[in-house]
PDB file of N, CA and C in Angstrom:
ATOM      1  N   MET A   1     120.294 -17.031  73.016  1.00  0.00           N
ATOM      2  CA  MET A   1     119.474 -15.930  74.088  1.00  0.00           C
ATOM      3  C   MET A   1     119.671 -14.464  72.990  1.00  0.00           C
ATOM      4  N   ASP A   2     120.062 -14.424  72.319  1.00  0.00           N
ATOM      5  CA  ASP A   2     120.227 -12.647  71.980  1.00  0.00           C
ATOM      6  C   ASP A   2     119.305 -12.723  71.061  1.00  0.00           C
ATOM      7  N   LYS A   3     118.891 -13.410  70.610  1.00  0.00           N
ATOM      8  CA  LYS A   3     118.081 -13.419  69.343  1.00  0.00           C
ATOM      9  C   LYS A   3     116.504 -13.580  69.549  1.00  0.00           C
ATOM     10  N   LYS A   4     116.348 -13.522  71.004  1.00  0.00           N
ATOM     11  CA  LYS A   4     114.895 -13.667  71.970  1.00  0.00           C
ATOM     12  C   LYS A   4     115.205 -12.090  72.242  1.00  0.00           C
ATOM     13  N   SER A   5     115.911 -11.552  72.385  1.00  0.00           N
ATOM     14  CA  SER A   5     116.118 -10.737  72.907  1.00  0.00           C
ATOM     15  C   SER A   5     115.206  -9.373  72.433  1.00  0.00           C
ATOM     16  N   THR A   6     114.657  -8.594  72.540  1.00  0.00           N
ATOM     17  CA  THR A   6     113.818  -7.335  72.557  1.00  0.00           C
ATOM     18  C   THR A   6     115.040  -6.410  72.695  1.00  0.00           C
ATOM     19  N   PRO A   7     115.324  -5.449  71.473  1.00  0.00           N
ATOM     20  CA  PRO A   7     115.944  -4.074  72.166  1.00  0.00           C
ATOM     21  C   PRO A   7     115.878  -3.035  72.640  1.00  0.00           C
ATOM     22  N   SER A   8     116.059  -2.210  73.532  1.00  0.00           N
ATOM     23  CA  SER A   8     114.867  -0.970  74.354  1.00  0.00           C
ATOM     24  C   SER A   8     114.755   0.180  73.370  1.00  0.00           C
ATOM     25  N   ASN A   9     114.108   1.359  73.671  1.00  0.00           N
ATOM     26  CA  ASN A   9     113.555   1.825  72.906  1.00  0.00           C
ATOM     27  C   ASN A   9     114.718   3.236  72.286  1.00  0.00           C
ATOM     28  N   ASN A  10     115.611   3.055  72.774  1.00  0.00           N
ATOM     29  CA  ASN A  10     116.636   4.417  73.144  1.00  0.00           C
ATOM     30  C   ASN A  10     117.926   3.298  72.085  1.00  0.00           C
ATOM     31  N   THR A  11     118.164   2.494  71.270  1.00  0.00           N
ATOM     32  CA  THR A  11     118.863   1.458  70.806  1.00  0.00           C
ATOM     33  C   THR A  11     118.710   1.145  69.349  1.00  0.00           C
ATOM     34  N   SER A  12     119.255   0.362  68.765  1.00  0.00           N
ATOM     35  CA  SER A  12     118.860   0.056  67.270  1.00  0.00           C
ATOM     36  C   SER A  12     120.317  -1.014  66.934  1.00  0.00           C
ATOM     37  N   MET A  13     119.538  -2.153  66.757  1.00  0.00           N
ATOM     38  CA  MET A  13     120.742  -2.501  66.011  1.00  0.00           C
ATOM     39  C   MET A  13     120.979  -3.444  65.390  1.00  0.00           C
ATOM     40  N   SER A  14     121.826  -2.888  64.363  1.00  0.00           N
ATOM     41  CA  SER A  14     122.252  -3.463  63.485  1.00  0.00           C
ATOM     42  C   SER A  14     122.782  -4.698  63.016  1.00  0.00           C
ATOM     43  N   ASP A  15     122.571  -5.148  61.445  1.00  0.00           N
ATOM     44  CA  ASP A  15     122.902  -6.651  61.264  1.00  0.00           C
ATOM     45  C   ASP A  15     124.452  -7.088  61.010  1.00  0.00           C
ATOM     46  N   HIS A  16     125.022  -5.840  60.924  1.00  0.00           N
ATOM     47  CA  HIS A  16     126.775  -6.099  60.765  1.00  0.00           C
ATOM     48  C   HIS A  16     127.305  -6.315  62.029  1.00  0.00           C
ATOM     49  N   ASP A  17     127.818  -7.344  61.853  1.00  0.00           N
ATOM     50  CA  ASP A  17     128.745  -8.155  63.584  1.00  0.00           C
ATOM     51  C   ASP A  17     127.965  -7.586  64.942  1.00  0.00           C
ATOM     52  N   GLY A  18     126.970  -7.932  64.552  1.00  0.00           N
ATOM     53  CA  GLY A  18     126.004  -7.392  66.724  1.00  0.00           C
ATOM     54  C   GLY A  18     126.507  -5.749  67.094  1.00  0.00           C
ATOM     55  N   GLU A  19     126.715  -4.864  65.259  1.00  0.00           N
ATOM     56  CA  GLU A  19     126.919  -3.816  66.655  1.00  0.00           C
ATOM     57  C   GLU A  19     125.555  -2.859  67.241  1.00  0.00           C
ATOM     58  N   ARG A  20     126.200  -2.219  67.908  1.00  0.00           N
ATOM     59  CA  ARG A  20     124.605  -0.928  68.522  1.00  0.00           C
ATOM     60  C   ARG A  20     125.121   0.437  68.020  1.00  0.00           C
ATOM     61  N   ASN A  21     123.778   0.924  67.445  1.00  0.00           N
ATOM     62  CA  ASN A  21     124.283   2.457  67.217  1.00  0.00           C
ATOM     63  C   ASN A  21     123.101   2.237  68.345  1.00  0.00           C
ATOM     64  N   ILE A  22     123.825   3.974  69.678  1.00  0.00           N
ATOM     65  CA  ILE A  22     123.222   4.564  70.608  1.00  0.00           C
ATOM     66  C   ILE A  22     121.864   5.695  69.868  1.00  0.00           C
ATOM     67  N   VAL A  23     120.987   6.072  69.923  1.00  0.00           N
ATOM     68  CA  VAL A  23     120.594   7.632  69.243  1.00  0.00           C
ATOM     69  C   VAL A  23     119.802   7.903  70.932  1.00  0.00           C
ATOM     70  N   LYS A  24     120.293   8.549  70.978  1.00  0.00           N
ATOM     71  CA  LYS A  24     119.832  10.089  71.783  1.00  0.00           C
ATOM     72  C   LYS A  24     118.794  10.869  71.173  1.00  0.00           C
ATOM     73  N   GLU A  25     117.580  11.067  72.121  1.00  0.00           N
ATOM     74  CA  GLU A  25     116.558  10.925  72.349  1.00  0.00           C
ATOM     75  C   GLU A  25     116.249  12.506  73.067  1.00  0.00           C
ATOM     76  N   ALA A  26     116.210  13.698  72.227  1.00  0.00           N
ATOM     77  CA  ALA A  26     116.333  15.294  72.755  1.00  0.00           C
ATOM     78  C   ALA A  26     114.631  15.459  72.078  1.00  0.00           C
ATOM     79  N   PRO A  27     114.349  16.795  73.118  1.00  0.00           N
ATOM     80  CA  PRO A  27     113.176  17.434  72.872  1.00  0.00           C
ATOM     81  C   PRO A  27     113.607  18.319  72.335  1.00  0.00           C
ATOM     82  N   ARG A  28     112.905  18.777  71.092  1.00  0.00           N
ATOM     83  CA  ARG A  28     112.861  19.695  70.174  1.00  0.00           C
ATOM     84  C   ARG A  28     112.655  21.836  71.116  1.00  0.00           C
ATOM     85  N   ARG A  29     114.351  22.324  70.579  1.00  0.00           N
ATOM     86  CA  ARG A  29     114.668  23.097  70.942  1.00  0.00           C
ATOM     87  C   ARG A  29     113.158  24.297  70.780  1.00  0.00           C
ATOM     88  N   SER A  30     112.174  24.391  69.949  1.00  0.00           N
ATOM     89  CA  SER A  30     110.998  25.184  70.546  1.00  0.00           C
ATOM     90  C   SER A  30     110.707  24.721  71.878  1.00  0.00           C
ATOM     91  N   THR A  31     110.714  23.595  72.185  1.00  0.00           N
ATOM     92  CA  THR A  31     109.784  22.666  73.387  1.00  0.00           C
ATOM     93  C   THR A  31     110.467  24.109  75.269  1.00  0.00           C
ATOM     94  N   LEU A  32     111.427  23.686  74.681  1.00  0.00           N
ATOM     95  CA  LEU A  32     112.885  23.589  75.963  1.00  0.00           C
ATOM     96  C   LEU A  32     112.469  25.273  75.729  1.00  0.00           C
ATOM     97  N   GLU A  33     112.628  26.381  74.474  1.00  0.00           N
ATOM     98  CA  GLU A  33     113.024  27.673  74.675  1.00  0.00           C
ATOM     99  C   GLU A  33     110.975  27.770  75.685  1.00  0.00           C
ATOM    100  N   PHE A  34     110.135  27.044  75.333  1.00  0.00           N
ATOM    101  CA  PHE A  34     108.344  27.650  75.517  1.00  0.00           C
ATOM    102  C   PHE A  34     107.980  27.451  77.182  1.00  0.00           C
ATOM    103  N   LEU A  35     109.028  26.020  77.477  1.00  0.00           N
ATOM    104  CA  LEU A  35     109.047  25.582  79.116  1.00  0.00           C
ATOM    105  C   LEU A  35     110.333  26.691  79.600  1.00  0.00           C
ATOM    106  N   ARG A  36     111.356  27.229  78.879  1.00  0.00           N
ATOM    107  CA  ARG A  36     111.921  28.283  79.909  1.00  0.00           C
ATOM    108  C   ARG A  36     111.226  29.260  79.966  1.00  0.00           C
ATOM    109  N   GLN A  37     109.955  29.331  78.763  1.00  0.00           N
ATOM    110  CA  GLN A  37     109.322  30.614  78.991  1.00  0.00           C
ATOM    111  C   GLN A  37     108.282  31.136  79.587  1.00  0.00           C
ATOM    112  N   PHE A  38     107.709  30.145  80.028  1.00  0.00           N
ATOM    113  CA  PHE A  38     106.878  29.313  81.555  1.00  0.00           C
ATOM    114  C   PHE A  38     107.129  29.869  82.159  1.00  0.00           C
ATOM    115  N   ALA A  39     108.260  29.339  82.688  1.00  0.00           N
ATOM    116  CA  ALA A  39     108.839  29.260  83.859  1.00  0.00           C
ATOM    117  C   ALA A  39     109.556  30.482  84.510  1.00  0.00           C
ATOM    118  N   ARG A  40     109.583  31.818  83.311  1.00  0.00           N
ATOM    119  CA  ARG A  40     110.085  33.270  83.126  1.00  0.00           C
ATOM    120  C   ARG A  40     108.670  33.681  84.191  1.00  0.00           C
ATOM    121  N   CYS A  41     107.503  33.544  83.315  1.00  0.00           N
ATOM    122  CA  CYS A  41     105.999  33.724  84.036  1.00  0.00           C
ATOM    123  C   CYS A  41     105.492  33.540  84.830  1.00  0.00           C
ATOM    124  N   TYR A  42     106.175  32.314  85.144  1.00  0.00           N
ATOM    125  CA  TYR A  42     104.992  31.437  86.435  1.00  0.00           C
ATOM    126  C   TYR A  42     105.343  32.041  88.212  1.00  0.00           C
ATOM    127  N   HIS A  43     104.204  31.918  88.493  1.00  0.00           N
ATOM    128  CA  HIS A  43     103.884  32.179  89.955  1.00  0.00           C
ATOM    129  C   HIS A  43     103.487  31.805  90.976  1.00  0.00           C
ATOM    130  N   TYR A  44     103.856  31.612  92.161  1.00  0.00           N
ATOM    131  CA  TYR A  44     102.238  30.282  92.911  1.00  0.00           C
ATOM    132  C   TYR A  44     102.775  31.396  94.293  1.00  0.00           C
ATOM    133  N   GLU A  45     101.313  32.564  94.648  1.00  0.00           N
ATOM    134  CA  GLU A  45     101.082  33.014  95.642  1.00  0.00           C
ATOM    135  C   GLU A  45      99.514  32.105  96.567  1.00  0.00           C
ATOM    136  N   PRO A  46     100.947  31.438  97.807  1.00  0.00           N
ATOM    137  CA  PRO A  46     100.768  30.316  98.844  1.00  0.00           C
ATOM    138  C   PRO A  46      99.608  31.698  99.566  1.00  0.00           C
ATOM    139  N   ARG A  47      99.225  32.722  99.702  1.00  0.00           N
ATOM    140  CA  ARG A  47      98.668  33.083 100.669  1.00  0.00           C
ATOM    141  C   ARG A  47      96.776  33.503  99.672  1.00  0.00           C
ATOM    142  N   LEU A  48      97.095  32.915  98.559  1.00  0.00           N
ATOM    143  CA  LEU A  48      95.684  32.599  97.645  1.00  0.00           C
ATOM    144  C   LEU A  48      95.522  31.200  97.934  1.00  0.00           C
ATOM    145  N   SER A  49      94.048  31.829  97.861  1.00  0.00           N
ATOM    146  CA  SER A  49      93.511  30.018  98.007  1.00  0.00           C
ATOM    147  C   SER A  49      94.197  28.595  96.928  1.00  0.00           C
ATOM    148  N   ALA A  50      93.886  27.508  96.718  1.00  0.00           N
ATOM    149  CA  ALA A  50      94.180  26.563  95.633  1.00  0.00           C
ATOM    150  C   ALA A  50      94.037  27.233  95.047  1.00  0.00           C
ATOM    151  N   PRO A  51      92.985  27.536  93.898  1.00  0.00           N
ATOM    152  CA  PRO A  51      92.416  28.031  92.808  1.00  0.00           C
ATOM    153  C   PRO A  51      93.370  29.234  92.192  1.00  0.00           C
ATOM    154  N   LEU A  52      92.901  30.194  93.175  1.00  0.00           N
ATOM    155  CA  LEU A  52      94.137  31.117  92.773  1.00  0.00           C
ATOM    156  C   LEU A  52      95.807  31.449  92.690  1.00  0.00           C
ATOM    157  N   GLY A  53      95.658  30.190  93.869  1.00  0.00           N
ATOM    158  CA  GLY A  53      97.495  30.699  93.917  1.00  0.00           C
ATOM    159  C   GLY A  53      98.485  30.668  93.104  1.00  0.00           C
ATOM    160  N   ASN A  54      98.082  29.782  91.711  1.00  0.00           N
ATOM    161  CA  ASN A  54      98.882  29.662  89.811  1.00  0.00           C
ATOM    162  C   ASN A  54      98.569  31.021  89.294  1.00  0.00           C
ATOM    163  N   MET A  55      99.767  32.022  88.965  1.00  0.00           N
ATOM    164  CA  MET A  55      99.381  33.306  88.435  1.00  0.00           C
ATOM    165  C   MET A  55     100.721  32.746  86.654  1.00  0.00           C
ATOM    166  N   ILE A  56     100.270  33.247  86.167  1.00  0.00           N
ATOM    167  CA  ILE A  56     101.297  33.704  84.939  1.00  0.00           C
ATOM    168  C   ILE A  56     101.095  35.417  84.916  1.00  0.00           C
ATOM    169  N   ILE A  57     102.213  35.265  84.570  1.00  0.00           N
ATOM    170  CA  ILE A  57     102.588  36.652  85.285  1.00  0.00           C
ATOM    171  C   ILE A  57     103.099  37.287  83.841  1.00  0.00           C
ATOM    172  N   ASN A  58     102.388  38.478  82.126  1.00  0.00           N
ATOM    173  CA  ASN A  58     102.990  38.309  81.515  1.00  0.00           C
ATOM    174  C   ASN A  58     103.350  39.609  81.072  1.00  0.00           C
TER     175      ASN A  58
END
């Protein structure tokens, strides 16, 4: 049965004794910094109409 199964994307199979190495995936630091800065600047004003309610304050 092990020969017919496919490992998932976040694990990889090694050829040594059937061991599995867990591969941790994470976003780049620059991506996280961009999202943090965007979250600090973003503001929604519900009193305005829907297209104008989204604001990015610089």
